[in-house]
Amino acid sequence: MKIDIEKVKKKQLDLSEVEPASHYPVLVAMEAAGECTFTAPVSAKVTAVWEYDHVRATGRVESAAHLTCSRCLAEYDLPLTSDFTIFYTKGEEDSSEEEVELTDEELISATYSGDEIDMDPEIAEQVMLEVPYKPLCSESCKGLCPECGADLNAGECGCDRGGINLKMAALKKIKIEK
């Protein structure tokens, strides 16, 4: 998705695009790493407006991913939706290695050069940010039994999981006086 600077200076631009996840290299890398599988194309709708010396792009991206629960290993589908606002200013990106503290506005800012803005990296980033780091099929997921590997969401397995963890056994001998 590209924003033409001359057109946006004259009037508001309403853009929409539907692309497969394979269009975005960062999403292809996520699939290759086994983090998820995208099951729906990436749909993006953006409204771009020229404000003073920058472009304000407000939009929404939608997609869906097939994930594996990090507790019980069950597979599930998750719709991905993100609303965003990005301010684009003309200029070169600062590539220095020096650490600087960013303000809230700088966190949602990007630079552009030339006559148009390519929004593909930001669209892919919005989708990527919606994929959970530790996917859970539900907040109440009980996971797998550490003894026998049974799915505890389906019911108790009968294993004795109340035993002492040998890593912490030494702590049982500590006596704390009040």
N, C-alpha and C. Protein backbone atom coordinates (compact mmCIF):
# COMPACT_ATOMS: atom_id res chain seq x y z
N MET A 1 0.86 -1.17 0.00
CA MET A 1 0.00 0.00 0.00
C MET A 1 0.90 1.23 0.00
N LYS A 2 0.63 2.11 -0.93
CA LYS A 2 1.46 3.30 -1.05
C LYS A 2 0.60 4.57 -0.96
N ILE A 3 1.13 5.57 -0.26
CA ILE A 3 0.46 6.87 -0.14
C ILE A 3 1.23 7.84 -1.02
N ASP A 4 0.55 8.43 -1.99
CA ASP A 4 1.14 9.43 -2.87
C ASP A 4 1.11 10.78 -2.14
N ILE A 5 2.28 11.36 -1.90
CA ILE A 5 2.40 12.59 -1.10
C ILE A 5 1.65 13.76 -1.75
N GLU A 6 1.78 13.93 -3.05
CA GLU A 6 1.11 15.05 -3.72
C GLU A 6 -0.41 14.94 -3.63
N LYS A 7 -0.93 13.72 -3.73
CA LYS A 7 -2.38 13.51 -3.63
C LYS A 7 -2.88 13.77 -2.22
N VAL A 8 -2.14 13.32 -1.22
CA VAL A 8 -2.59 13.49 0.16
C VAL A 8 -2.49 14.94 0.60
N LYS A 9 -1.61 15.73 -0.01
CA LYS A 9 -1.52 17.16 0.31
C LYS A 9 -2.77 17.89 -0.15
N LYS A 10 -3.42 17.39 -1.21
CA LYS A 10 -4.61 18.03 -1.77
C LYS A 10 -5.90 17.60 -1.07
N LYS A 11 -5.99 16.31 -0.71
CA LYS A 11 -7.22 15.82 -0.08
C LYS A 11 -6.94 14.53 0.69
N GLN A 12 -7.87 14.17 1.54
CA GLN A 12 -7.77 12.93 2.31
C GLN A 12 -7.82 11.73 1.37
N LEU A 13 -6.97 10.76 1.65
CA LEU A 13 -6.96 9.53 0.85
C LEU A 13 -7.50 8.37 1.68
N ASP A 14 -8.43 7.63 1.11
CA ASP A 14 -8.95 6.41 1.74
C ASP A 14 -8.45 5.25 0.90
N LEU A 15 -7.63 4.42 1.50
CA LEU A 15 -7.00 3.31 0.80
C LEU A 15 -7.40 1.99 1.44
N SER A 16 -7.48 0.95 0.63
CA SER A 16 -7.69 -0.39 1.19
C SER A 16 -6.93 -1.38 0.32
N GLU A 17 -6.53 -2.47 0.95
CA GLU A 17 -5.72 -3.46 0.27
C GLU A 17 -5.90 -4.81 0.96
N VAL A 18 -5.95 -5.86 0.18
CA VAL A 18 -5.98 -7.22 0.71
C VAL A 18 -4.84 -7.98 0.03
N GLU A 19 -3.89 -8.44 0.85
CA GLU A 19 -2.72 -9.16 0.34
C GLU A 19 -2.55 -10.45 1.13
N PRO A 20 -2.02 -11.49 0.52
CA PRO A 20 -1.71 -12.69 1.29
C PRO A 20 -0.55 -12.41 2.25
N ALA A 21 -0.47 -13.16 3.33
CA ALA A 21 0.61 -12.96 4.30
C ALA A 21 1.98 -13.14 3.64
N SER A 22 2.04 -13.92 2.58
CA SER A 22 3.31 -14.14 1.88
C SER A 22 3.85 -12.88 1.20
N HIS A 23 3.04 -11.83 1.12
CA HIS A 23 3.46 -10.56 0.54
C HIS A 23 4.42 -9.81 1.49
N TYR A 24 4.36 -10.14 2.77
CA TYR A 24 5.14 -9.43 3.79
C TYR A 24 6.27 -10.34 4.30
N PRO A 25 7.53 -9.99 4.02
CA PRO A 25 8.66 -10.85 4.41
C PRO A 25 8.71 -11.18 5.90
N VAL A 26 8.36 -10.26 6.77
CA VAL A 26 8.42 -10.52 8.21
C VAL A 26 7.39 -11.57 8.63
N LEU A 27 6.25 -11.60 7.97
CA LEU A 27 5.22 -12.60 8.27
C LEU A 27 5.63 -13.97 7.72
N VAL A 28 6.30 -13.97 6.58
CA VAL A 28 6.84 -15.23 6.02
C VAL A 28 7.87 -15.80 6.99
N ALA A 29 8.70 -14.94 7.57
CA ALA A 29 9.72 -15.37 8.53
C ALA A 29 9.07 -15.96 9.79
N MET A 30 7.96 -15.38 10.24
CA MET A 30 7.25 -15.91 11.40
C MET A 30 6.73 -17.31 11.12
N GLU A 31 6.18 -17.51 9.92
CA GLU A 31 5.68 -18.83 9.56
C GLU A 31 6.83 -19.83 9.45
N ALA A 32 7.94 -19.40 8.87
CA ALA A 32 9.10 -20.29 8.71
C ALA A 32 9.68 -20.69 10.07
N ALA A 33 9.58 -19.79 11.05
CA ALA A 33 10.10 -20.09 12.39
C ALA A 33 9.13 -20.97 13.19
N GLY A 34 7.94 -21.23 12.63
CA GLY A 34 6.97 -22.08 13.31
C GLY A 34 6.15 -21.37 14.37
N GLU A 35 6.18 -20.03 14.37
CA GLU A 35 5.42 -19.29 15.37
C GLU A 35 3.92 -19.39 15.14
N CYS A 36 3.49 -19.40 13.88
CA CYS A 36 2.08 -19.47 13.55
C CYS A 36 1.95 -19.74 12.05
N THR A 37 0.71 -19.95 11.63
CA THR A 37 0.39 -20.06 10.22
C THR A 37 -0.75 -19.08 9.96
N PHE A 38 -0.57 -18.19 9.02
CA PHE A 38 -1.62 -17.22 8.72
C PHE A 38 -2.67 -17.90 7.85
N THR A 39 -3.93 -17.84 8.31
CA THR A 39 -5.02 -18.55 7.65
C THR A 39 -5.94 -17.62 6.87
N ALA A 40 -5.66 -16.34 6.91
CA ALA A 40 -6.47 -15.37 6.17
C ALA A 40 -5.54 -14.32 5.59
N PRO A 41 -5.95 -13.70 4.48
CA PRO A 41 -5.11 -12.63 3.94
C PRO A 41 -5.09 -11.43 4.89
N VAL A 42 -4.11 -10.57 4.71
CA VAL A 42 -4.00 -9.35 5.51
C VAL A 42 -4.83 -8.27 4.82
N SER A 43 -5.85 -7.81 5.51
CA SER A 43 -6.73 -6.77 4.98
C SER A 43 -6.39 -5.46 5.70
N ALA A 44 -6.09 -4.42 4.94
CA ALA A 44 -5.72 -3.14 5.53
C ALA A 44 -6.58 -2.03 4.95
N LYS A 45 -7.09 -1.18 5.83
CA LYS A 45 -7.83 0.02 5.43
C LYS A 45 -7.16 1.20 6.12
N VAL A 46 -6.80 2.21 5.33
CA VAL A 46 -6.06 3.35 5.86
C VAL A 46 -6.66 4.65 5.35
N THR A 47 -6.74 5.61 6.25
CA THR A 47 -7.12 6.98 5.88
C THR A 47 -5.90 7.85 6.12
N ALA A 48 -5.44 8.53 5.08
CA ALA A 48 -4.24 9.38 5.17
C ALA A 48 -4.64 10.83 5.00
N VAL A 49 -4.13 11.68 5.89
CA VAL A 49 -4.44 13.11 5.87
C VAL A 49 -3.14 13.89 6.03
N TRP A 50 -3.01 14.98 5.26
CA TRP A 50 -1.85 15.85 5.41
C TRP A 50 -2.14 16.83 6.53
N GLU A 51 -1.23 16.91 7.52
CA GLU A 51 -1.36 17.83 8.65
C GLU A 51 -0.07 18.62 8.79
N TYR A 52 -0.10 19.91 8.54
CA TYR A 52 1.04 20.79 8.69
C TYR A 52 2.24 20.30 7.88
N ASP A 53 3.13 19.52 8.51
CA ASP A 53 4.34 19.06 7.82
C ASP A 53 4.47 17.54 7.83
N HIS A 54 3.38 16.84 8.09
CA HIS A 54 3.45 15.39 8.16
C HIS A 54 2.15 14.76 7.66
N VAL A 55 2.21 13.45 7.46
CA VAL A 55 1.03 12.68 7.05
C VAL A 55 0.59 11.86 8.25
N ARG A 56 -0.70 11.95 8.58
CA ARG A 56 -1.26 11.11 9.63
C ARG A 56 -2.03 9.99 8.96
N ALA A 57 -1.59 8.76 9.18
CA ALA A 57 -2.25 7.58 8.61
C ALA A 57 -2.94 6.83 9.74
N THR A 58 -4.25 6.73 9.65
CA THR A 58 -5.04 6.02 10.64
C THR A 58 -5.68 4.83 9.95
N GLY A 59 -5.59 3.67 10.57
CA GLY A 59 -6.13 2.52 9.88
C GLY A 59 -6.41 1.33 10.76
N ARG A 60 -6.73 0.25 10.08
CA ARG A 60 -7.07 -1.02 10.74
C ARG A 60 -6.56 -2.15 9.87
N VAL A 61 -5.92 -3.13 10.49
CA VAL A 61 -5.51 -4.34 9.78
C VAL A 61 -6.22 -5.54 10.41
N GLU A 62 -6.55 -6.51 9.55
CA GLU A 62 -7.21 -7.73 10.02
C GLU A 62 -6.61 -8.92 9.31
N SER A 63 -6.50 -10.01 10.03
CA SER A 63 -6.04 -11.28 9.48
C SER A 63 -6.45 -12.36 10.47
N ALA A 64 -5.93 -13.56 10.30
CA ALA A 64 -6.18 -14.65 11.25
C ALA A 64 -4.97 -15.57 11.23
N ALA A 65 -4.73 -16.20 12.37
CA ALA A 65 -3.57 -17.09 12.48
C ALA A 65 -3.98 -18.40 13.16
N HIS A 66 -3.29 -19.45 12.77
CA HIS A 66 -3.45 -20.77 13.40
C HIS A 66 -2.26 -20.94 14.33
N LEU A 67 -2.54 -21.13 15.63
CA LEU A 67 -1.50 -21.17 16.65
C LEU A 67 -1.54 -22.47 17.43
N THR A 68 -0.48 -22.74 18.17
CA THR A 68 -0.41 -23.89 19.08
C THR A 68 -0.29 -23.35 20.50
N CYS A 69 -1.17 -23.80 21.38
CA CYS A 69 -1.17 -23.35 22.77
C CYS A 69 0.15 -23.72 23.43
N SER A 70 0.73 -22.78 24.16
CA SER A 70 2.03 -23.02 24.80
C SER A 70 1.90 -23.85 26.07
N ARG A 71 0.69 -24.08 26.56
CA ARG A 71 0.50 -24.90 27.77
C ARG A 71 0.08 -26.33 27.44
N CYS A 72 -0.92 -26.48 26.56
CA CYS A 72 -1.48 -27.83 26.33
C CYS A 72 -1.21 -28.36 24.92
N LEU A 73 -0.58 -27.56 24.08
CA LEU A 73 -0.22 -27.93 22.71
C LEU A 73 -1.42 -28.12 21.78
N ALA A 74 -2.60 -27.67 22.20
CA ALA A 74 -3.78 -27.74 21.33
C ALA A 74 -3.65 -26.67 20.25
N GLU A 75 -4.13 -26.96 19.06
CA GLU A 75 -4.10 -25.99 17.98
C GLU A 75 -5.43 -25.24 17.97
N TYR A 76 -5.34 -23.94 17.68
CA TYR A 76 -6.55 -23.11 17.63
C TYR A 76 -6.34 -21.95 16.68
N ASP A 77 -7.44 -21.34 16.26
CA ASP A 77 -7.40 -20.19 15.36
C ASP A 77 -7.67 -18.92 16.15
N LEU A 78 -6.99 -17.86 15.78
CA LEU A 78 -7.13 -16.58 16.47
C LEU A 78 -7.30 -15.47 15.44
N PRO A 79 -8.41 -14.72 15.50
CA PRO A 79 -8.54 -13.56 14.62
C PRO A 79 -7.58 -12.46 15.10
N LEU A 80 -6.95 -11.77 14.18
CA LEU A 80 -6.01 -10.71 14.50
C LEU A 80 -6.57 -9.38 13.97
N THR A 81 -6.70 -8.40 14.85
CA THR A 81 -7.22 -7.09 14.49
C THR A 81 -6.41 -6.03 15.22
N SER A 82 -6.02 -4.98 14.51
CA SER A 82 -5.26 -3.91 15.13
C SER A 82 -5.66 -2.56 14.51
N ASP A 83 -5.99 -1.61 15.38
CA ASP A 83 -6.22 -0.23 14.96
C ASP A 83 -4.94 0.54 15.24
N PHE A 84 -4.55 1.43 14.34
CA PHE A 84 -3.28 2.14 14.52
C PHE A 84 -3.35 3.55 13.95
N THR A 85 -2.40 4.36 14.41
CA THR A 85 -2.16 5.70 13.87
C THR A 85 -0.65 5.87 13.77
N ILE A 86 -0.20 6.31 12.61
CA ILE A 86 1.23 6.53 12.39
C ILE A 86 1.41 7.91 11.78
N PHE A 87 2.36 8.65 12.31
CA PHE A 87 2.70 9.97 11.77
C PHE A 87 3.96 9.83 10.92
N TYR A 88 3.88 10.20 9.65
CA TYR A 88 5.03 10.12 8.74
C TYR A 88 5.58 11.53 8.51
N THR A 89 6.87 11.70 8.78
CA THR A 89 7.53 12.97 8.51
C THR A 89 8.63 12.74 7.49
N LYS A 90 8.88 13.77 6.69
CA LYS A 90 9.92 13.65 5.66
C LYS A 90 11.28 13.74 6.33
N GLY A 91 12.18 12.90 5.89
CA GLY A 91 13.53 12.94 6.44
C GLY A 91 14.18 11.58 6.36
N GLU A 92 15.42 11.55 6.77
CA GLU A 92 16.19 10.32 6.77
C GLU A 92 16.10 9.69 8.15
N GLU A 93 16.07 8.36 8.19
CA GLU A 93 16.06 7.66 9.46
C GLU A 93 17.43 7.78 10.12
N ASP A 94 17.42 7.95 11.44
CA ASP A 94 18.66 8.03 12.20
C ASP A 94 19.15 6.62 12.46
N SER A 95 20.31 6.29 11.91
CA SER A 95 20.84 4.93 12.05
C SER A 95 21.95 4.85 13.09
N SER A 96 22.04 5.86 13.96
CA SER A 96 23.10 5.82 14.96
C SER A 96 22.78 4.77 16.01
N GLU A 97 23.81 4.26 16.65
CA GLU A 97 23.66 3.19 17.65
C GLU A 97 23.41 3.76 19.04
N GLU A 98 23.37 5.07 19.18
CA GLU A 98 23.22 5.70 20.48
C GLU A 98 21.81 5.48 21.03
N GLU A 99 21.71 5.18 22.33
CA GLU A 99 20.41 4.98 22.95
C GLU A 99 19.77 6.33 23.23
N VAL A 100 18.50 6.46 22.87
CA VAL A 100 17.74 7.66 23.16
C VAL A 100 16.37 7.26 23.68
N GLU A 101 15.79 8.10 24.50
CA GLU A 101 14.46 7.83 25.02
C GLU A 101 13.45 8.46 24.07
N LEU A 102 12.44 7.69 23.69
CA LEU A 102 11.44 8.15 22.75
C LEU A 102 10.19 8.63 23.47
N THR A 103 9.59 9.69 22.95
CA THR A 103 8.32 10.15 23.49
C THR A 103 7.21 9.29 22.91
N ASP A 104 5.99 9.42 23.45
CA ASP A 104 4.86 8.65 22.95
C ASP A 104 4.61 8.92 21.47
N GLU A 105 4.76 10.18 21.05
CA GLU A 105 4.53 10.51 19.65
C GLU A 105 5.60 9.92 18.74
N GLU A 106 6.84 9.87 19.22
CA GLU A 106 7.91 9.28 18.42
C GLU A 106 7.74 7.78 18.26
N LEU A 107 7.07 7.13 19.20
CA LEU A 107 6.84 5.69 19.10
C LEU A 107 5.90 5.34 17.96
N ILE A 108 5.06 6.30 17.58
CA ILE A 108 4.12 6.04 16.49
C ILE A 108 4.47 6.89 15.27
N SER A 109 5.74 7.21 15.13
CA SER A 109 6.22 8.02 14.01
C SER A 109 7.15 7.22 13.13
N ALA A 110 7.16 7.58 11.86
CA ALA A 110 8.08 6.99 10.90
C ALA A 110 8.49 8.07 9.92
N THR A 111 9.58 7.85 9.23
CA THR A 111 10.02 8.81 8.23
C THR A 111 9.81 8.24 6.84
N TYR A 112 9.78 9.14 5.87
CA TYR A 112 9.68 8.73 4.48
C TYR A 112 10.59 9.62 3.65
N SER A 113 10.94 9.14 2.47
CA SER A 113 11.70 9.95 1.52
C SER A 113 11.09 9.71 0.15
N GLY A 114 11.21 10.67 -0.70
CA GLY A 114 10.66 10.52 -2.04
C GLY A 114 9.23 11.04 -2.12
N ASP A 115 8.52 10.57 -3.17
CA ASP A 115 7.18 11.08 -3.47
C ASP A 115 6.06 10.22 -2.92
N GLU A 116 6.40 9.08 -2.31
CA GLU A 116 5.34 8.23 -1.77
C GLU A 116 5.82 7.49 -0.53
N ILE A 117 4.85 7.04 0.25
CA ILE A 117 5.11 6.30 1.47
C ILE A 117 4.69 4.86 1.25
N ASP A 118 5.60 3.95 1.48
CA ASP A 118 5.28 2.52 1.40
C ASP A 118 4.88 2.07 2.80
N MET A 119 3.62 1.71 2.97
CA MET A 119 3.11 1.33 4.29
C MET A 119 3.27 -0.16 4.60
N ASP A 120 3.77 -0.95 3.66
CA ASP A 120 3.86 -2.40 3.87
C ASP A 120 4.60 -2.78 5.17
N PRO A 121 5.76 -2.16 5.49
CA PRO A 121 6.43 -2.55 6.74
C PRO A 121 5.58 -2.28 7.98
N GLU A 122 4.86 -1.17 8.01
CA GLU A 122 4.03 -0.86 9.17
C GLU A 122 2.81 -1.76 9.25
N ILE A 123 2.23 -2.12 8.11
CA ILE A 123 1.08 -3.03 8.10
C ILE A 123 1.51 -4.40 8.63
N ALA A 124 2.64 -4.90 8.15
CA ALA A 124 3.15 -6.19 8.63
C ALA A 124 3.47 -6.13 10.12
N GLU A 125 4.01 -5.00 10.57
CA GLU A 125 4.33 -4.84 11.99
C GLU A 125 3.08 -4.91 12.86
N GLN A 126 2.00 -4.28 12.40
CA GLN A 126 0.75 -4.30 13.15
C GLN A 126 0.22 -5.73 13.29
N VAL A 127 0.31 -6.52 12.23
CA VAL A 127 -0.13 -7.92 12.29
C VAL A 127 0.78 -8.70 13.23
N MET A 128 2.08 -8.50 13.09
CA MET A 128 3.06 -9.22 13.90
C MET A 128 2.85 -8.94 15.39
N LEU A 129 2.52 -7.70 15.74
CA LEU A 129 2.32 -7.34 17.14
C LEU A 129 1.08 -7.99 17.75
N GLU A 130 0.14 -8.40 16.91
CA GLU A 130 -1.09 -9.03 17.41
C GLU A 130 -0.93 -10.53 17.66
N VAL A 131 0.13 -11.13 17.14
CA VAL A 131 0.37 -12.55 17.38
C VAL A 131 0.97 -12.69 18.77
N PRO A 132 0.32 -13.44 19.67
CA PRO A 132 0.82 -13.52 21.05
C PRO A 132 2.17 -14.22 21.15
N TYR A 133 2.99 -13.74 22.07
CA TYR A 133 4.32 -14.31 22.30
C TYR A 133 4.21 -15.72 22.86
N LYS A 134 3.31 -15.90 23.82
CA LYS A 134 3.02 -17.23 24.39
C LYS A 134 1.53 -17.49 24.15
N PRO A 135 1.20 -18.11 23.03
CA PRO A 135 -0.21 -18.33 22.71
C PRO A 135 -0.90 -19.25 23.72
N LEU A 136 -2.12 -18.88 24.10
CA LEU A 136 -2.93 -19.69 25.00
C LEU A 136 -4.29 -19.93 24.35
N CYS A 137 -4.74 -21.20 24.38
CA CYS A 137 -6.05 -21.51 23.80
C CYS A 137 -7.15 -20.87 24.63
N SER A 138 -6.92 -20.69 25.94
CA SER A 138 -7.82 -19.95 26.82
C SER A 138 -7.03 -19.54 28.06
N GLU A 139 -7.49 -18.50 28.74
CA GLU A 139 -6.79 -18.03 29.94
C GLU A 139 -6.81 -19.09 31.04
N SER A 140 -7.82 -19.95 31.01
CA SER A 140 -7.94 -20.97 32.05
C SER A 140 -7.31 -22.31 31.66
N CYS A 141 -6.49 -22.33 30.64
CA CYS A 141 -5.85 -23.57 30.19
C CYS A 141 -5.00 -24.15 31.31
N LYS A 142 -5.20 -25.44 31.60
CA LYS A 142 -4.48 -26.12 32.68
C LYS A 142 -3.18 -26.76 32.20
N GLY A 143 -3.00 -26.88 30.90
CA GLY A 143 -1.76 -27.42 30.37
C GLY A 143 -1.71 -28.94 30.41
N LEU A 144 -0.49 -29.47 30.38
CA LEU A 144 -0.25 -30.92 30.37
C LEU A 144 0.30 -31.38 31.72
N CYS A 145 0.00 -32.61 32.09
CA CYS A 145 0.53 -33.20 33.33
C CYS A 145 2.03 -33.38 33.15
N PRO A 146 2.84 -32.91 34.09
CA PRO A 146 4.29 -33.08 33.97
C PRO A 146 4.75 -34.53 34.16
N GLU A 147 3.89 -35.37 34.71
CA GLU A 147 4.24 -36.77 34.94
C GLU A 147 3.95 -37.64 33.72
N CYS A 148 2.69 -37.59 33.24
CA CYS A 148 2.29 -38.51 32.17
C CYS A 148 2.00 -37.81 30.84
N GLY A 149 1.89 -36.48 30.84
CA GLY A 149 1.66 -35.74 29.60
C GLY A 149 0.21 -35.65 29.19
N ALA A 150 -0.72 -36.05 30.05
CA ALA A 150 -2.15 -35.97 29.71
C ALA A 150 -2.61 -34.52 29.69
N ASP A 151 -3.58 -34.23 28.84
CA ASP A 151 -4.17 -32.89 28.75
C ASP A 151 -5.08 -32.69 29.95
N LEU A 152 -4.72 -31.81 30.87
CA LEU A 152 -5.49 -31.59 32.10
C LEU A 152 -6.79 -30.84 31.84
N ASN A 153 -6.96 -30.26 30.66
CA ASN A 153 -8.23 -29.60 30.32
C ASN A 153 -9.32 -30.65 30.10
N ALA A 154 -8.94 -31.84 29.69
CA ALA A 154 -9.90 -32.92 29.43
C ALA A 154 -10.30 -33.62 30.73
N GLY A 155 -9.55 -33.44 31.79
CA GLY A 155 -9.86 -34.08 33.06
C GLY A 155 -8.58 -34.48 33.77
N GLU A 156 -8.73 -34.83 35.05
CA GLU A 156 -7.58 -35.26 35.84
C GLU A 156 -7.06 -36.61 35.35
N CYS A 157 -5.76 -36.80 35.45
CA CYS A 157 -5.14 -38.04 34.97
C CYS A 157 -4.89 -39.04 36.08
N GLY A 158 -4.91 -38.61 37.33
CA GLY A 158 -4.68 -39.51 38.45
C GLY A 158 -3.25 -39.53 38.95
N CYS A 159 -2.36 -38.80 38.31
CA CYS A 159 -0.96 -38.76 38.75
C CYS A 159 -0.83 -37.95 40.04
N ASP A 160 0.15 -38.31 40.87
CA ASP A 160 0.44 -37.56 42.09
C ASP A 160 1.41 -36.44 41.72
N ARG A 161 0.88 -35.23 41.62
CA ARG A 161 1.72 -34.09 41.26
C ARG A 161 2.07 -33.25 42.48
N GLY A 162 1.79 -33.75 43.66
CA GLY A 162 2.06 -33.01 44.90
C GLY A 162 3.42 -33.33 45.48
N GLY A 163 4.22 -34.08 44.79
CA GLY A 163 5.54 -34.47 45.29
C GLY A 163 6.47 -33.28 45.45
N ILE A 164 7.58 -33.53 46.09
CA ILE A 164 8.56 -32.48 46.33
C ILE A 164 9.44 -32.33 45.10
N ASN A 165 9.63 -31.12 44.68
CA ASN A 165 10.54 -30.82 43.60
C ASN A 165 11.95 -30.90 44.16
N LEU A 166 12.77 -31.79 43.64
CA LEU A 166 14.12 -31.97 44.16
C LEU A 166 14.96 -30.70 44.09
N LYS A 167 14.64 -29.85 43.18
CA LYS A 167 15.39 -28.59 43.07
C LYS A 167 15.14 -27.71 44.28
N MET A 168 13.98 -27.87 44.91
CA MET A 168 13.61 -27.03 46.04
C MET A 168 13.64 -27.79 47.37
N ALA A 169 14.04 -29.04 47.36
CA ALA A 169 14.02 -29.86 48.57
C ALA A 169 14.86 -29.27 49.70
N ALA A 170 15.95 -28.63 49.40
CA ALA A 170 16.81 -28.03 50.41
C ALA A 170 16.10 -26.92 51.18
N LEU A 171 15.16 -26.26 50.54
CA LEU A 171 14.44 -25.17 51.20
C LEU A 171 13.52 -25.69 52.30
N LYS A 172 13.10 -26.94 52.22
CA LYS A 172 12.21 -27.52 53.22
C LYS A 172 12.89 -27.60 54.58
N LYS A 173 14.21 -27.70 54.62
CA LYS A 173 14.96 -27.83 55.86
C LYS A 173 15.17 -26.49 56.56
N ILE A 174 14.93 -25.39 55.88
CA ILE A 174 15.15 -24.06 56.47
C ILE A 174 14.07 -23.78 57.48
N LYS A 175 14.47 -23.34 58.68
CA LYS A 175 13.52 -22.97 59.72
C LYS A 175 13.65 -21.47 59.94
N ILE A 176 12.52 -20.81 59.86
CA ILE A 176 12.50 -19.37 60.05
C ILE A 176 11.87 -19.09 61.40
N GLU A 177 12.63 -18.40 62.24
CA GLU A 177 12.11 -18.04 63.58
C GLU A 177 11.51 -16.66 63.52
N LYS A 178 10.40 -16.52 64.24
CA LYS A 178 9.67 -15.24 64.24
C LYS A 178 10.05 -14.39 65.39
